[in-house]
Amino acid sequence: MSAVTLSEVAKQAGVSLATASRVLNGSERRPAEVIAERVRTAALELGYVANAQAQALARSSTGLVGLVVHDIADPYFSSIARGVQQAVQEVRRQLLLAAAETGDSSVLSAVTAFAAHRTDVIIMAGSRSVRPDERLMNELKRYRDNGGRVVTIGQAWMEGTGTVFVNNRAGAEELLRVLAGTGQNRFAYLAGPDHLVTVEDRLAGFRDGLERTGAEEVAVVHGPFNRDGGYQAARALAEQLGGGGLRGLTVLAANDVMALGAISAFRSMGLQVPRDLRVAGYDDIPTLSDYTPSLTTVRLPLEEIGHLAADLAFSEMANATRNISGAVVLRESA
């Protein structure tokens, strides 16, 4: 019979996971006695045995949580950050945010700073590099070995950390399959920087979909993982295909902001989406409601992902993996 988890105790007591943890792991921030007694009763009835590591974390906590994102202005990251912030507030901790926009060196600086401030947790929200910086990995391992908790969003970075795994490859494949099912059979792909695992996974899913459906790959163009990158990649695609090559084409972008940049570029060429060609993105960022035509995309529950990452960090299963899948959303653009 498997051991009773803190989540089961919280459910039986009718309280949040954070509340149950504060009662049973010896935190100084404890709820009202009537609630605490309910939690202790549930633990006794279920035969729950407290986790020593979780107790130590609760008692020596600085109350600080570090979050590393690539670009806080990107709605993808700001949505995840909102989810993390909500979860952090629920357990009365403080969130420290670092925007690491210049690659592994700035991520390393953020991790080093968080470790120096003795944060209880570091959450990595940006994509891992295909060839991660050895200094960064060593710093994360040192932080973890000194008692810190690490949770990564997107894909696993190393052993001994929690992961909110986003199945980017499956989502990209499903998007292409659904669009091919509507009669679209010529596809181009606007990929982000080729050194990021997220970009690699989404491009692989695109090609999985091509193989599955028999649709044609017209071109793949890489560019920065932002709106300007989408604009530049779309212009490069137009130059590659020539004047009439874009008409009737379906262009998939590695994320929504690249897709919006691409639509802007096509409009500057006198082309209208979806009249002349079709465009789809990935992520379903909240600001999409402001754009016309409405964008076909793969929806990810971004705030939920952030909240789940923080919940995982605070739980007794801090090294576990939680899986997230996307859902295709068909709109006007494709």
C-alpha atoms as a PDB file:
ATOM      1  CA  MET A   1       0.000   0.000   0.000  1.00  0.00           C
ATOM      2  CA  SER A   2       1.446   3.393  -0.996  1.00  0.00           C
ATOM      3  CA  ALA A   3       2.183   6.036   1.639  1.00  0.00           C
ATOM      4  CA  VAL A   4      -0.478   8.626   2.372  1.00  0.00           C
ATOM      5  CA  THR A   5       0.384  11.981   0.802  1.00  0.00           C
ATOM      6  CA  LEU A   6      -0.031  15.472   2.189  1.00  0.00           C
ATOM      7  CA  SER A   7      -2.469  16.188  -0.642  1.00  0.00           C
ATOM      8  CA  GLU A   8      -4.765  13.424   0.639  1.00  0.00           C
ATOM      9  CA  VAL A   9      -4.655  14.873   4.144  1.00  0.00           C
ATOM     10  CA  ALA A  10      -5.480  18.340   2.807  1.00  0.00           C
ATOM     11  CA  LYS A  11      -8.399  16.964   0.803  1.00  0.00           C
ATOM     12  CA  GLN A  12      -9.884  15.100   3.777  1.00  0.00           C
ATOM     13  CA  ALA A  13      -9.460  18.137   6.041  1.00  0.00           C
ATOM     14  CA  GLY A  14     -11.007  20.429   3.444  1.00  0.00           C
ATOM     15  CA  VAL A  15      -8.028  22.803   3.326  1.00  0.00           C
ATOM     16  CA  SER A  16      -5.401  23.813   0.784  1.00  0.00           C
ATOM     17  CA  LEU A  17      -2.148  21.914   0.392  1.00  0.00           C
ATOM     18  CA  ALA A  18      -0.262  24.949   1.717  1.00  0.00           C
ATOM     19  CA  THR A  19      -2.400  25.066   4.877  1.00  0.00           C
ATOM     20  CA  ALA A  20      -1.878  21.376   5.584  1.00  0.00           C
ATOM     21  CA  SER A  21       1.860  21.828   5.076  1.00  0.00           C
ATOM     22  CA  ARG A  22       2.027  24.733   7.538  1.00  0.00           C
ATOM     23  CA  VAL A  23       0.259  22.673  10.204  1.00  0.00           C
ATOM     24  CA  LEU A  24       2.140  19.394   9.815  1.00  0.00           C
ATOM     25  CA  ASN A  25       5.605  20.618   8.841  1.00  0.00           C
ATOM     26  CA  GLY A  26       6.079  23.013  11.759  1.00  0.00           C
ATOM     27  CA  SER A  27       5.905  26.365   9.999  1.00  0.00           C
ATOM     28  CA  GLU A  28       5.720  29.460  12.204  1.00  0.00           C
ATOM     29  CA  ARG A  29       2.844  30.747  10.050  1.00  0.00           C
ATOM     30  CA  ARG A  30      -0.010  28.513  11.186  1.00  0.00           C
ATOM     31  CA  PRO A  31      -3.773  28.852  10.643  1.00  0.00           C
ATOM     32  CA  ALA A  32      -6.465  29.130  13.319  1.00  0.00           C
ATOM     33  CA  GLU A  33      -6.435  26.320  15.877  1.00  0.00           C
ATOM     34  CA  VAL A  34      -9.790  24.917  14.731  1.00  0.00           C
ATOM     35  CA  ILE A  35      -8.368  24.450  11.225  1.00  0.00           C
ATOM     36  CA  ALA A  36      -5.070  23.081  12.535  1.00  0.00           C
ATOM     37  CA  GLU A  37      -6.939  20.524  14.634  1.00  0.00           C
ATOM     38  CA  ARG A  38      -8.933  19.434  11.583  1.00  0.00           C
ATOM     39  CA  VAL A  39      -5.702  18.853   9.677  1.00  0.00           C
ATOM     40  CA  ARG A  40      -4.101  16.899  12.533  1.00  0.00           C
ATOM     41  CA  THR A  41      -7.214  14.740  12.861  1.00  0.00           C
ATOM     42  CA  ALA A  42      -7.208  13.941   9.147  1.00  0.00           C
ATOM     43  CA  ALA A  43      -3.505  13.052   9.297  1.00  0.00           C
ATOM     44  CA  LEU A  44      -4.093  10.727  12.243  1.00  0.00           C
ATOM     45  CA  GLU A  45      -7.059   9.006  10.611  1.00  0.00           C
ATOM     46  CA  LEU A  46      -5.166   8.449   7.364  1.00  0.00           C
ATOM     47  CA  GLY A  47      -1.905   7.405   9.011  1.00  0.00           C
ATOM     48  CA  TYR A  48       0.105  10.223   7.451  1.00  0.00           C
ATOM     49  CA  VAL A  49       3.842  10.371   8.261  1.00  0.00           C
ATOM     50  CA  ALA A  50       5.402  13.829   7.908  1.00  0.00           C
ATOM     51  CA  ASN A  51       8.320  14.312   5.532  1.00  0.00           C
ATOM     52  CA  ALA A  52      11.470  15.362   7.415  1.00  0.00           C
ATOM     53  CA  GLN A  53      12.867  17.382   4.504  1.00  0.00           C
ATOM     54  CA  ALA A  54       9.614  19.298   4.136  1.00  0.00           C
ATOM     55  CA  GLN A  55       9.607  20.041   7.871  1.00  0.00           C
ATOM     56  CA  ALA A  56      13.133  21.391   7.715  1.00  0.00           C
ATOM     57  CA  LEU A  57      12.241  23.601   4.766  1.00  0.00           C
ATOM     58  CA  ALA A  58       9.197  24.975   6.557  1.00  0.00           C
ATOM     59  CA  ARG A  59      11.153  25.835   9.708  1.00  0.00           C
ATOM     60  CA  SER A  60      14.190  27.441   8.041  1.00  0.00           C
ATOM     61  CA  SER A  61      12.310  29.178   5.255  1.00  0.00           C
ATOM     62  CA  THR A  62      13.287  32.688   4.192  1.00  0.00           C
ATOM     63  CA  GLY A  63       9.888  33.013   2.555  1.00  0.00           C
ATOM     64  CA  LEU A  64      11.467  33.951  -0.794  1.00  0.00           C
ATOM     65  CA  VAL A  65      10.722  32.340  -4.158  1.00  0.00           C
ATOM     66  CA  GLY A  66      12.803  33.172  -7.234  1.00  0.00           C
ATOM     67  CA  LEU A  67      11.297  33.075 -10.736  1.00  0.00           C
ATOM     68  CA  VAL A  68      13.455  33.291 -13.872  1.00  0.00           C
ATOM     69  CA  VAL A  69      11.757  34.278 -17.149  1.00  0.00           C
ATOM     70  CA  HIS A  70      13.204  35.301 -20.503  1.00  0.00           C
ATOM     71  CA  ASP A  71      11.070  38.401 -21.125  1.00  0.00           C
ATOM     72  CA  ILE A  72       8.424  39.653 -18.700  1.00  0.00           C
ATOM     73  CA  ALA A  73       6.904  41.819 -21.466  1.00  0.00           C
ATOM     74  CA  ASP A  74       6.034  38.638 -23.383  1.00  0.00           C
ATOM     75  CA  PRO A  75       2.436  37.681 -22.463  1.00  0.00           C
ATOM     76  CA  TYR A  76       3.504  34.029 -22.282  1.00  0.00           C
ATOM     77  CA  PHE A  77       5.870  34.728 -19.400  1.00  0.00           C
ATOM     78  CA  SER A  78       3.713  37.357 -17.703  1.00  0.00           C
ATOM     79  CA  SER A  79       0.810  34.884 -17.618  1.00  0.00           C
ATOM     80  CA  ILE A  80       2.986  32.188 -16.057  1.00  0.00           C
ATOM     81  CA  ALA A  81       4.326  34.753 -13.577  1.00  0.00           C
ATOM     82  CA  ARG A  82       0.768  35.637 -12.530  1.00  0.00           C
ATOM     83  CA  GLY A  83       0.097  31.990 -11.753  1.00  0.00           C
ATOM     84  CA  VAL A  84       3.292  31.703  -9.714  1.00  0.00           C
ATOM     85  CA  GLN A  85       2.511  34.937  -7.865  1.00  0.00           C
ATOM     86  CA  GLN A  86      -0.967  33.741  -6.944  1.00  0.00           C
ATOM     87  CA  ALA A  87       0.381  30.477  -5.531  1.00  0.00           C
ATOM     88  CA  VAL A  88       3.148  32.282  -3.644  1.00  0.00           C
ATOM     89  CA  GLN A  89       0.663  34.691  -2.062  1.00  0.00           C
ATOM     90  CA  GLU A  90      -1.511  31.785  -0.962  1.00  0.00           C
ATOM     91  CA  VAL A  91       1.324  30.519   1.234  1.00  0.00           C
ATOM     92  CA  ARG A  92       2.334  34.039   2.357  1.00  0.00           C
ATOM     93  CA  ARG A  93       5.708  34.089   0.680  1.00  0.00           C
ATOM     94  CA  GLN A  94       7.404  36.722  -1.453  1.00  0.00           C
ATOM     95  CA  LEU A  95       8.237  36.416  -5.157  1.00  0.00           C
ATOM     96  CA  LEU A  96      11.505  37.675  -6.622  1.00  0.00           C
ATOM     97  CA  LEU A  97      11.491  38.013 -10.417  1.00  0.00           C
ATOM     98  CA  ALA A  98      14.444  38.028 -12.803  1.00  0.00           C
ATOM     99  CA  ALA A  99      14.140  38.663 -16.540  1.00  0.00           C
ATOM    100  CA  ALA A 100      17.069  36.944 -18.247  1.00  0.00           C
ATOM    101  CA  GLU A 101      16.862  38.088 -21.857  1.00  0.00           C
ATOM    102  CA  THR A 102      20.416  37.536 -23.079  1.00  0.00           C
ATOM    103  CA  GLY A 103      20.813  33.784 -22.832  1.00  0.00           C
ATOM    104  CA  ASP A 104      22.497  31.436 -20.391  1.00  0.00           C
ATOM    105  CA  SER A 105      24.845  34.094 -18.964  1.00  0.00           C
ATOM    106  CA  SER A 106      21.976  36.239 -17.693  1.00  0.00           C
ATOM    107  CA  VAL A 107      20.134  33.142 -16.439  1.00  0.00           C
ATOM    108  CA  LEU A 108      23.286  32.199 -14.519  1.00  0.00           C
ATOM    109  CA  SER A 109      23.431  35.684 -12.985  1.00  0.00           C
ATOM    110  CA  ALA A 110      19.795  35.380 -11.883  1.00  0.00           C
ATOM    111  CA  VAL A 111      20.304  31.943 -10.319  1.00  0.00           C
ATOM    112  CA  THR A 112      23.452  33.108  -8.523  1.00  0.00           C
ATOM    113  CA  ALA A 113      21.618  36.143  -7.131  1.00  0.00           C
ATOM    114  CA  PHE A 114      18.688  34.045  -5.933  1.00  0.00           C
ATOM    115  CA  ALA A 115      21.053  31.612  -4.230  1.00  0.00           C
ATOM    116  CA  ALA A 116      22.836  34.513  -2.516  1.00  0.00           C
ATOM    117  CA  HIS A 117      19.475  35.762  -1.206  1.00  0.00           C
ATOM    118  CA  ARG A 118      18.783  32.239   0.140  1.00  0.00           C
ATOM    119  CA  THR A 119      15.517  31.810  -1.725  1.00  0.00           C
ATOM    120  CA  ASP A 120      13.682  28.644  -0.746  1.00  0.00           C
ATOM    121  CA  VAL A 121      12.790  27.857  -4.352  1.00  0.00           C
ATOM    122  CA  ILE A 122      13.970  28.751  -7.853  1.00  0.00           C
ATOM    123  CA  ILE A 123      11.456  28.301 -10.678  1.00  0.00           C
ATOM    124  CA  MET A 124      12.892  28.295 -14.204  1.00  0.00           C
ATOM    125  CA  ALA A 125      10.202  29.389 -16.669  1.00  0.00           C
ATOM    126  CA  GLY A 126      12.292  29.778 -19.811  1.00  0.00           C
ATOM    127  CA  SER A 127      13.207  27.077 -22.286  1.00  0.00           C
ATOM    128  CA  ARG A 128      16.395  25.145 -21.661  1.00  0.00           C
ATOM    129  CA  SER A 129      19.146  25.477 -24.228  1.00  0.00           C
ATOM    130  CA  VAL A 130      19.869  22.440 -26.392  1.00  0.00           C
ATOM    131  CA  ARG A 131      23.449  22.747 -25.109  1.00  0.00           C
ATOM    132  CA  PRO A 132      23.053  24.193 -21.595  1.00  0.00           C
ATOM    133  CA  ASP A 133      25.859  26.216 -20.054  1.00  0.00           C
ATOM    134  CA  GLU A 134      27.917  23.981 -17.761  1.00  0.00           C
ATOM    135  CA  ARG A 135      28.387  26.811 -15.243  1.00  0.00           C
ATOM    136  CA  LEU A 136      24.614  27.304 -15.036  1.00  0.00           C
ATOM    137  CA  MET A 137      23.964  23.614 -14.481  1.00  0.00           C
ATOM    138  CA  ASN A 138      26.660  23.467 -11.796  1.00  0.00           C
ATOM    139  CA  GLU A 139      25.157  26.478 -10.003  1.00  0.00           C
ATOM    140  CA  LEU A 140      21.699  24.903 -10.020  1.00  0.00           C
ATOM    141  CA  LYS A 141      23.116  21.630  -8.704  1.00  0.00           C
ATOM    142  CA  ARG A 142      25.003  23.453  -5.948  1.00  0.00           C
ATOM    143  CA  TYR A 143      21.836  25.334  -4.974  1.00  0.00           C
ATOM    144  CA  ARG A 144      19.845  22.091  -4.922  1.00  0.00           C
ATOM    145  CA  ASP A 145      22.519  20.229  -2.938  1.00  0.00           C
ATOM    146  CA  ASN A 146      22.483  23.021  -0.344  1.00  0.00           C
ATOM    147  CA  GLY A 147      18.791  22.440   0.305  1.00  0.00           C
ATOM    148  CA  GLY A 148      17.137  24.682  -2.272  1.00  0.00           C
ATOM    149  CA  ARG A 149      14.318  23.432  -4.431  1.00  0.00           C
ATOM    150  CA  VAL A 150      14.325  23.790  -8.220  1.00  0.00           C
ATOM    151  CA  VAL A 151      11.272  23.487 -10.453  1.00  0.00           C
ATOM    152  CA  THR A 152      11.464  23.865 -14.226  1.00  0.00           C
ATOM    153  CA  ILE A 153       8.655  24.679 -16.643  1.00  0.00           C
ATOM    154  CA  GLY A 154       8.594  23.176 -20.130  1.00  0.00           C
ATOM    155  CA  GLN A 155      11.120  20.374 -19.866  1.00  0.00           C
ATOM    156  CA  ALA A 156      13.362  18.748 -17.268  1.00  0.00           C
ATOM    157  CA  TRP A 157      16.771  20.339 -16.727  1.00  0.00           C
ATOM    158  CA  MET A 158      18.429  17.767 -14.475  1.00  0.00           C
ATOM    159  CA  GLU A 159      17.725  15.004 -11.966  1.00  0.00           C
ATOM    160  CA  GLY A 160      16.465  15.884  -8.517  1.00  0.00           C
ATOM    161  CA  THR A 161      14.235  18.759  -9.603  1.00  0.00           C
ATOM    162  CA  GLY A 162      10.520  19.173 -10.152  1.00  0.00           C
ATOM    163  CA  THR A 163       9.169  19.638 -13.658  1.00  0.00           C
ATOM    164  CA  VAL A 164       5.973  20.944 -15.186  1.00  0.00           C
ATOM    165  CA  PHE A 165       6.385  19.183 -18.522  1.00  0.00           C
ATOM    166  CA  VAL A 166       4.651  20.798 -21.490  1.00  0.00           C
ATOM    167  CA  ASN A 167       4.248  18.377 -24.396  1.00  0.00           C
ATOM    168  CA  ASN A 168       5.111  20.900 -27.094  1.00  0.00           C
ATOM    169  CA  ARG A 169       5.825  18.267 -29.715  1.00  0.00           C
ATOM    170  CA  ALA A 170       2.403  16.623 -29.422  1.00  0.00           C
ATOM    171  CA  GLY A 171       0.642  19.991 -29.529  1.00  0.00           C
ATOM    172  CA  ALA A 172       2.408  21.056 -32.722  1.00  0.00           C
ATOM    173  CA  GLU A 173       1.656  17.729 -34.392  1.00  0.00           C
ATOM    174  CA  GLU A 174      -2.017  17.954 -33.453  1.00  0.00           C
ATOM    175  CA  LEU A 175      -2.281  21.506 -34.813  1.00  0.00           C
ATOM    176  CA  LEU A 176      -0.932  20.460 -38.196  1.00  0.00           C
ATOM    177  CA  ARG A 177      -3.129  17.368 -38.273  1.00  0.00           C
ATOM    178  CA  VAL A 178      -6.268  19.408 -37.553  1.00  0.00           C
ATOM    179  CA  LEU A 179      -5.432  22.035 -40.181  1.00  0.00           C
ATOM    180  CA  ALA A 180      -4.598  19.390 -42.771  1.00  0.00           C
ATOM    181  CA  GLY A 181      -7.988  17.866 -42.015  1.00  0.00           C
ATOM    182  CA  THR A 182      -9.644  21.099 -43.184  1.00  0.00           C
ATOM    183  CA  GLY A 183      -8.005  20.754 -46.608  1.00  0.00           C
ATOM    184  CA  GLN A 184      -4.823  22.754 -46.042  1.00  0.00           C
ATOM    185  CA  ASN A 185      -1.862  20.895 -47.542  1.00  0.00           C
ATOM    186  CA  ARG A 186       1.034  23.366 -48.034  1.00  0.00           C
ATOM    187  CA  PHE A 187       2.781  24.433 -44.845  1.00  0.00           C
ATOM    188  CA  ALA A 188       5.678  26.662 -43.852  1.00  0.00           C
ATOM    189  CA  TYR A 189       7.065  27.010 -40.345  1.00  0.00           C
ATOM    190  CA  LEU A 190       8.446  30.097 -38.614  1.00  0.00           C
ATOM    191  CA  ALA A 191      10.667  28.656 -35.886  1.00  0.00           C
ATOM    192  CA  GLY A 192      12.331  30.459 -33.017  1.00  0.00           C
ATOM    193  CA  PRO A 193      16.062  30.285 -32.209  1.00  0.00           C
ATOM    194  CA  ASP A 194      17.375  26.824 -32.995  1.00  0.00           C
ATOM    195  CA  HIS A 195      19.299  26.535 -29.700  1.00  0.00           C
ATOM    196  CA  LEU A 196      16.140  26.283 -27.552  1.00  0.00           C
ATOM    197  CA  VAL A 197      14.586  22.928 -26.639  1.00  0.00           C
ATOM    198  CA  THR A 198      11.047  24.339 -26.919  1.00  0.00           C
ATOM    199  CA  VAL A 199      11.729  25.438 -30.491  1.00  0.00           C
ATOM    200  CA  GLU A 200      13.274  22.073 -31.327  1.00  0.00           C
ATOM    201  CA  ASP A 201      10.279  20.203 -29.876  1.00  0.00           C
ATOM    202  CA  ARG A 202       7.655  22.299 -31.667  1.00  0.00           C
ATOM    203  CA  LEU A 203       9.484  22.001 -34.989  1.00  0.00           C
ATOM    204  CA  ALA A 204       9.719  18.226 -34.499  1.00  0.00           C
ATOM    205  CA  GLY A 205       5.964  18.116 -33.861  1.00  0.00           C
ATOM    206  CA  PHE A 206       5.343  20.110 -37.047  1.00  0.00           C
ATOM    207  CA  ARG A 207       7.321  17.540 -39.026  1.00  0.00           C
ATOM    208  CA  ASP A 208       5.596  14.654 -37.239  1.00  0.00           C
ATOM    209  CA  GLY A 209       2.315  16.123 -38.459  1.00  0.00           C
ATOM    210  CA  LEU A 210       3.596  16.411 -42.014  1.00  0.00           C
ATOM    211  CA  GLU A 211       4.631  12.773 -41.995  1.00  0.00           C
ATOM    212  CA  ARG A 212       1.322  11.689 -40.514  1.00  0.00           C
ATOM    213  CA  THR A 213      -0.828  13.613 -43.001  1.00  0.00           C
ATOM    214  CA  GLY A 214       1.308  13.596 -46.137  1.00  0.00           C
ATOM    215  CA  ALA A 215       1.165  17.399 -46.339  1.00  0.00           C
ATOM    216  CA  GLU A 216       3.971  19.367 -47.999  1.00  0.00           C
ATOM    217  CA  GLU A 217       6.717  21.216 -46.124  1.00  0.00           C
ATOM    218  CA  VAL A 218       7.374  24.329 -48.180  1.00  0.00           C
ATOM    219  CA  ALA A 219       9.957  26.021 -45.947  1.00  0.00           C
ATOM    220  CA  VAL A 220      11.274  26.469 -42.404  1.00  0.00           C
ATOM    221  CA  VAL A 221      12.647  29.864 -41.360  1.00  0.00           C
ATOM    222  CA  HIS A 222      14.242  30.618 -37.983  1.00  0.00           C
ATOM    223  CA  GLY A 223      14.041  33.960 -36.200  1.00  0.00           C
ATOM    224  CA  PRO A 224      13.983  35.536 -32.730  1.00  0.00           C
ATOM    225  CA  PHE A 225      11.243  34.210 -30.432  1.00  0.00           C
ATOM    226  CA  ASN A 226       9.266  37.496 -30.428  1.00  0.00           C
ATOM    227  CA  ARG A 227       7.002  39.674 -32.581  1.00  0.00           C
ATOM    228  CA  ASP A 228       9.898  41.260 -34.473  1.00  0.00           C
ATOM    229  CA  GLY A 229      11.291  37.783 -35.076  1.00  0.00           C
ATOM    230  CA  GLY A 230       7.996  36.712 -36.629  1.00  0.00           C
ATOM    231  CA  TYR A 231       7.950  39.802 -38.827  1.00  0.00           C
ATOM    232  CA  GLN A 232      11.524  39.225 -40.012  1.00  0.00           C
ATOM    233  CA  ALA A 233      10.949  35.502 -40.588  1.00  0.00           C
ATOM    234  CA  ALA A 234       7.824  36.216 -42.647  1.00  0.00           C
ATOM    235  CA  ARG A 235       9.739  38.697 -44.823  1.00  0.00           C
ATOM    236  CA  ALA A 236      12.512  36.128 -45.286  1.00  0.00           C
ATOM    237  CA  LEU A 237       9.921  33.507 -46.222  1.00  0.00           C
ATOM    238  CA  ALA A 238       8.456  35.831 -48.852  1.00  0.00           C
ATOM    239  CA  GLU A 239      11.894  36.441 -50.344  1.00  0.00           C
ATOM    240  CA  GLN A 240      12.578  32.708 -50.405  1.00  0.00           C
ATOM    241  CA  LEU A 241       9.297  31.773 -52.126  1.00  0.00           C
ATOM    242  CA  GLY A 242       8.938  34.709 -54.486  1.00  0.00           C
ATOM    243  CA  GLY A 243       5.877  36.798 -55.299  1.00  0.00           C
ATOM    244  CA  GLY A 244       3.164  34.173 -55.683  1.00  0.00           C
ATOM    245  CA  GLY A 245       4.593  31.503 -53.407  1.00  0.00           C
ATOM    246  CA  LEU A 246       2.775  32.689 -50.309  1.00  0.00           C
ATOM    247  CA  ARG A 247      -0.734  32.476 -51.709  1.00  0.00           C
ATOM    248  CA  GLY A 248      -2.647  29.448 -50.497  1.00  0.00           C
ATOM    249  CA  LEU A 249       0.066  28.674 -47.945  1.00  0.00           C
ATOM    250  CA  THR A 250      -0.511  27.896 -44.258  1.00  0.00           C
ATOM    251  CA  VAL A 251       2.180  29.415 -42.042  1.00  0.00           C
ATOM    252  CA  LEU A 252       2.637  27.986 -38.550  1.00  0.00           C
ATOM    253  CA  ALA A 253       4.643  30.048 -36.071  1.00  0.00           C
ATOM    254  CA  ALA A 254       6.494  28.702 -33.040  1.00  0.00           C
ATOM    255  CA  ASN A 255       4.491  30.981 -30.745  1.00  0.00           C
ATOM    256  CA  ASP A 256       1.665  33.508 -30.870  1.00  0.00           C
ATOM    257  CA  VAL A 257       3.774  36.657 -30.825  1.00  0.00           C
ATOM    258  CA  MET A 258       5.753  35.426 -33.838  1.00  0.00           C
ATOM    259  CA  ALA A 259       2.451  34.677 -35.589  1.00  0.00           C
ATOM    260  CA  LEU A 260       1.208  38.219 -34.926  1.00  0.00           C
ATOM    261  CA  GLY A 261       4.454  39.644 -36.281  1.00  0.00           C
ATOM    262  CA  ALA A 262       4.093  37.474 -39.384  1.00  0.00           C
ATOM    263  CA  ILE A 263       0.523  38.673 -40.012  1.00  0.00           C
ATOM    264  CA  SER A 264       1.774  42.259 -39.778  1.00  0.00           C
ATOM    265  CA  ALA A 265       4.523  41.498 -42.306  1.00  0.00           C
ATOM    266  CA  PHE A 266       2.113  39.860 -44.737  1.00  0.00           C
ATOM    267  CA  ARG A 267      -0.227  42.846 -44.422  1.00  0.00           C
ATOM    268  CA  SER A 268       2.659  45.164 -45.336  1.00  0.00           C
ATOM    269  CA  MET A 269       3.042  43.115 -48.550  1.00  0.00           C
ATOM    270  CA  GLY A 270      -0.607  43.631 -49.453  1.00  0.00           C
ATOM    271  CA  LEU A 271      -1.651  40.133 -48.369  1.00  0.00           C
ATOM    272  CA  GLN A 272      -4.660  39.478 -46.153  1.00  0.00           C
ATOM    273  CA  VAL A 273      -5.073  36.629 -43.651  1.00  0.00           C
ATOM    274  CA  PRO A 274      -6.993  34.346 -44.158  1.00  0.00           C
ATOM    275  CA  ARG A 275      -8.015  35.493 -47.665  1.00  0.00           C
ATOM    276  CA  ASP A 276      -4.580  35.010 -49.283  1.00  0.00           C
ATOM    277  CA  LEU A 277      -2.834  32.712 -46.820  1.00  0.00           C
ATOM    278  CA  ARG A 278      -3.397  31.317 -43.349  1.00  0.00           C
ATOM    279  CA  VAL A 279      -1.464  31.708 -40.111  1.00  0.00           C
ATOM    280  CA  ALA A 280      -1.502  29.874 -36.762  1.00  0.00           C
ATOM    281  CA  GLY A 281       0.444  30.290 -33.539  1.00  0.00           C
ATOM    282  CA  TYR A 282       1.064  28.453 -30.281  1.00  0.00           C
ATOM    283  CA  ASP A 283       0.327  29.260 -26.571  1.00  0.00           C
ATOM    284  CA  ASP A 284      -2.993  31.195 -26.717  1.00  0.00           C
ATOM    285  CA  ILE A 285      -1.663  34.251 -24.890  1.00  0.00           C
ATOM    286  CA  PRO A 286      -4.421  36.366 -23.283  1.00  0.00           C
ATOM    287  CA  THR A 287      -3.843  39.439 -25.476  1.00  0.00           C
ATOM    288  CA  LEU A 288      -5.003  37.554 -28.595  1.00  0.00           C
ATOM    289  CA  SER A 289      -8.538  38.818 -27.995  1.00  0.00           C
ATOM    290  CA  ASP A 290      -7.345  42.276 -29.108  1.00  0.00           C
ATOM    291  CA  TYR A 291      -6.324  41.157 -32.618  1.00  0.00           C
ATOM    292  CA  THR A 292      -8.124  40.731 -35.937  1.00  0.00           C
ATOM    293  CA  PRO A 293      -8.303  38.227 -37.487  1.00  0.00           C
ATOM    294  CA  SER A 294      -8.565  36.047 -34.399  1.00  0.00           C
ATOM    295  CA  LEU A 295      -5.624  33.654 -34.244  1.00  0.00           C
ATOM    296  CA  THR A 296      -5.788  29.880 -34.540  1.00  0.00           C
ATOM    297  CA  THR A 297      -3.411  28.442 -31.953  1.00  0.00           C
ATOM    298  CA  VAL A 298      -2.609  25.723 -29.431  1.00  0.00           C
ATOM    299  CA  ARG A 299      -3.979  26.714 -26.044  1.00  0.00           C
ATOM    300  CA  LEU A 300      -1.792  26.206 -22.987  1.00  0.00           C
ATOM    301  CA  PRO A 301      -3.193  26.975 -19.497  1.00  0.00           C
ATOM    302  CA  LEU A 302      -0.407  29.447 -18.781  1.00  0.00           C
ATOM    303  CA  GLU A 303      -1.508  30.756 -15.382  1.00  0.00           C
ATOM    304  CA  GLU A 304      -2.301  27.212 -14.290  1.00  0.00           C
ATOM    305  CA  ILE A 305       1.196  26.139 -15.345  1.00  0.00           C
ATOM    306  CA  GLY A 306       2.736  28.839 -13.148  1.00  0.00           C
ATOM    307  CA  HIS A 307       0.508  27.981 -10.203  1.00  0.00           C
ATOM    308  CA  LEU A 308       1.276  24.277 -10.609  1.00  0.00           C
ATOM    309  CA  ALA A 309       5.027  24.929 -10.641  1.00  0.00           C
ATOM    310  CA  ALA A 310       4.843  26.812  -7.344  1.00  0.00           C
ATOM    311  CA  ASP A 311       2.524  24.221  -5.791  1.00  0.00           C
ATOM    312  CA  LEU A 312       4.994  21.522  -6.786  1.00  0.00           C
ATOM    313  CA  ALA A 313       7.860  23.414  -5.169  1.00  0.00           C
ATOM    314  CA  PHE A 314       5.991  23.733  -1.869  1.00  0.00           C
ATOM    315  CA  SER A 315       4.810  20.119  -1.792  1.00  0.00           C
ATOM    316  CA  GLU A 316       6.403  16.978  -0.408  1.00  0.00           C
ATOM    317  CA  MET A 317       6.678  15.777  -4.030  1.00  0.00           C
ATOM    318  CA  ALA A 318       8.964  18.645  -5.051  1.00  0.00           C
ATOM    319  CA  ASN A 319      10.948  16.406  -7.436  1.00  0.00           C
ATOM    320  CA  ALA A 320       7.907  15.047  -9.251  1.00  0.00           C
ATOM    321  CA  THR A 321       6.786  15.721 -12.830  1.00  0.00           C
ATOM    322  CA  ARG A 322       3.406  17.183 -13.752  1.00  0.00           C
ATOM    323  CA  ASN A 323       2.293  16.855 -17.383  1.00  0.00           C
ATOM    324  CA  ILE A 324       0.482  19.545 -19.378  1.00  0.00           C
ATOM    325  CA  SER A 325      -1.000  19.119 -22.861  1.00  0.00           C
ATOM    326  CA  GLY A 326      -2.208  21.803 -25.241  1.00  0.00           C
ATOM    327  CA  ALA A 327      -5.523  21.994 -27.087  1.00  0.00           C
ATOM    328  CA  VAL A 328      -6.004  23.201 -30.668  1.00  0.00           C
ATOM    329  CA  VAL A 329      -8.256  26.264 -30.949  1.00  0.00           C
ATOM    330  CA  LEU A 330      -9.527  27.026 -34.463  1.00  0.00           C
ATOM    331  CA  ARG A 331     -10.260  30.690 -35.177  1.00  0.00           C
ATOM    332  CA  GLU A 332     -10.404  32.980 -38.203  1.00  0.00           C
ATOM    333  CA  SER A 333      -6.727  33.042 -39.197  1.00  0.00           C
ATOM    334  CA  ALA A 334      -6.457  29.391 -40.308  1.00  0.00           C
END
